[in-house]
Amino acid sequence: MGLLQNKYELNNVSRAAVDQRDSIHNARLIPPCIIGKNVTIENCTIGPNVTIGDNCKLKNLTMKNCIMWDNEETGYSHFENQIIASC
């Protein structure tokens, strides 16, 4: 099963982001971005061209042109042109 499977876009911002407004605080989402289920985002700028997997926690960061796998937690960083995954 691929990372992008079961992710849906709504007006170039993921449907998951619309469905989980309570877990997204002080965030700027720049389309296109796809956000998985059960994601917490605080004080971040996300996008463009970002895919975030399920169950991730992001705080105080910027991210563009990136893919983040499921179950990642990170903060206080700048990510650009990266794949973020635990080994």
Protein backbone atom coordinates (compact mmCIF):
# COMPACT_ATOMS: atom_id res chain seq x y z
CA MET A 1 0.00 0.00 0.00
CA GLY A 2 1.47 3.36 -1.02
CA LEU A 3 1.86 6.43 1.17
CA LEU A 4 -0.47 8.43 -1.04
CA GLN A 5 -3.19 5.80 -1.14
CA ASN A 6 -6.35 6.79 0.77
CA LYS A 7 -5.36 10.48 0.88
CA TYR A 8 -7.81 12.88 -0.70
CA GLU A 9 -7.39 16.46 -1.84
CA LEU A 10 -9.99 19.17 -1.42
CA ASN A 11 -9.15 22.48 -3.12
CA ASN A 12 -5.47 21.50 -3.17
CA VAL A 13 -5.32 21.09 0.62
CA SER A 14 -5.97 17.63 1.91
CA ARG A 15 -9.39 16.58 3.11
CA ALA A 16 -7.74 15.25 6.27
CA ALA A 17 -6.64 18.79 7.12
CA VAL A 18 -10.23 19.97 6.79
CA ASP A 19 -11.52 17.01 8.85
CA GLN A 20 -9.04 17.56 11.69
CA ARG A 21 -9.10 21.29 12.18
CA ASP A 22 -8.91 20.82 15.96
CA SER A 23 -5.39 19.39 15.69
CA ILE A 24 -3.99 22.11 13.40
CA HIS A 25 -3.03 25.32 15.25
CA ASN A 26 -1.33 28.44 13.94
CA ALA A 27 -0.34 26.68 10.72
CA ARG A 28 0.01 27.94 7.18
CA LEU A 29 -0.76 25.26 4.59
CA ILE A 30 0.48 26.09 1.09
CA PRO A 31 -1.09 23.88 -1.59
CA PRO A 32 -0.58 21.34 -2.82
CA CYS A 33 -0.17 19.38 0.40
CA ILE A 34 -1.59 16.09 1.52
CA ILE A 35 -1.98 15.41 5.24
CA GLY A 36 -2.74 11.99 6.69
CA LYS A 37 -5.10 11.11 9.52
CA ASN A 38 -4.46 11.91 13.18
CA VAL A 39 -1.78 14.54 12.44
CA THR A 40 -0.99 17.35 14.89
CA ILE A 41 0.49 20.54 13.46
CA GLU A 42 1.42 23.56 15.61
CA ASN A 43 3.21 26.78 14.61
CA CYS A 44 4.27 25.47 11.19
CA THR A 45 4.43 26.43 7.55
CA ILE A 46 3.72 23.37 5.41
CA GLY A 47 4.00 23.34 1.62
CA PRO A 48 4.07 23.53 -1.22
CA ASN A 49 4.46 19.94 -2.40
CA VAL A 50 4.31 18.18 0.96
CA THR A 51 2.85 14.80 1.90
CA ILE A 52 2.56 13.91 5.59
CA GLY A 53 1.69 10.37 6.64
CA ASP A 54 -0.73 9.31 9.38
CA ASN A 55 -0.12 9.85 13.13
CA CYS A 56 2.59 12.52 12.78
CA LYS A 57 3.33 15.41 15.15
CA LEU A 58 4.93 18.58 13.80
CA LYS A 59 5.76 21.63 15.86
CA ASN A 60 7.60 24.89 15.10
CA LEU A 61 8.91 24.00 11.66
CA THR A 62 8.80 24.78 7.97
CA MET A 63 8.56 22.08 5.35
CA LYS A 64 8.42 22.23 1.56
CA ASN A 65 8.92 19.69 -1.21
CA CYS A 66 8.98 16.84 1.33
CA ILE A 67 7.46 13.49 2.16
CA MET A 68 7.05 12.43 5.79
CA TRP A 69 6.25 8.78 6.53
CA ASP A 70 3.69 7.63 9.10
CA ASN A 71 4.30 7.96 12.86
CA GLU A 72 7.01 10.64 12.73
CA GLU A 73 7.47 13.39 15.32
CA THR A 74 9.69 16.42 14.76
CA GLY A 75 10.02 20.10 15.46
CA TYR A 76 12.20 23.21 15.45
CA SER A 77 13.55 22.50 11.96
CA HIS A 78 13.51 23.52 8.33
CA PHE A 79 12.97 20.68 5.86
CA GLU A 80 13.28 21.13 2.11
CA ASN A 81 13.53 18.47 -0.62
CA GLN A 82 13.67 15.61 1.87
CA ILE A 83 12.10 12.29 2.78
CA ILE A 84 11.60 12.15 6.56
CA ALA A 85 11.47 8.64 7.99
CA SER A 86 12.76 6.78 11.03
CA CYS A 87 15.13 3.90 10.42
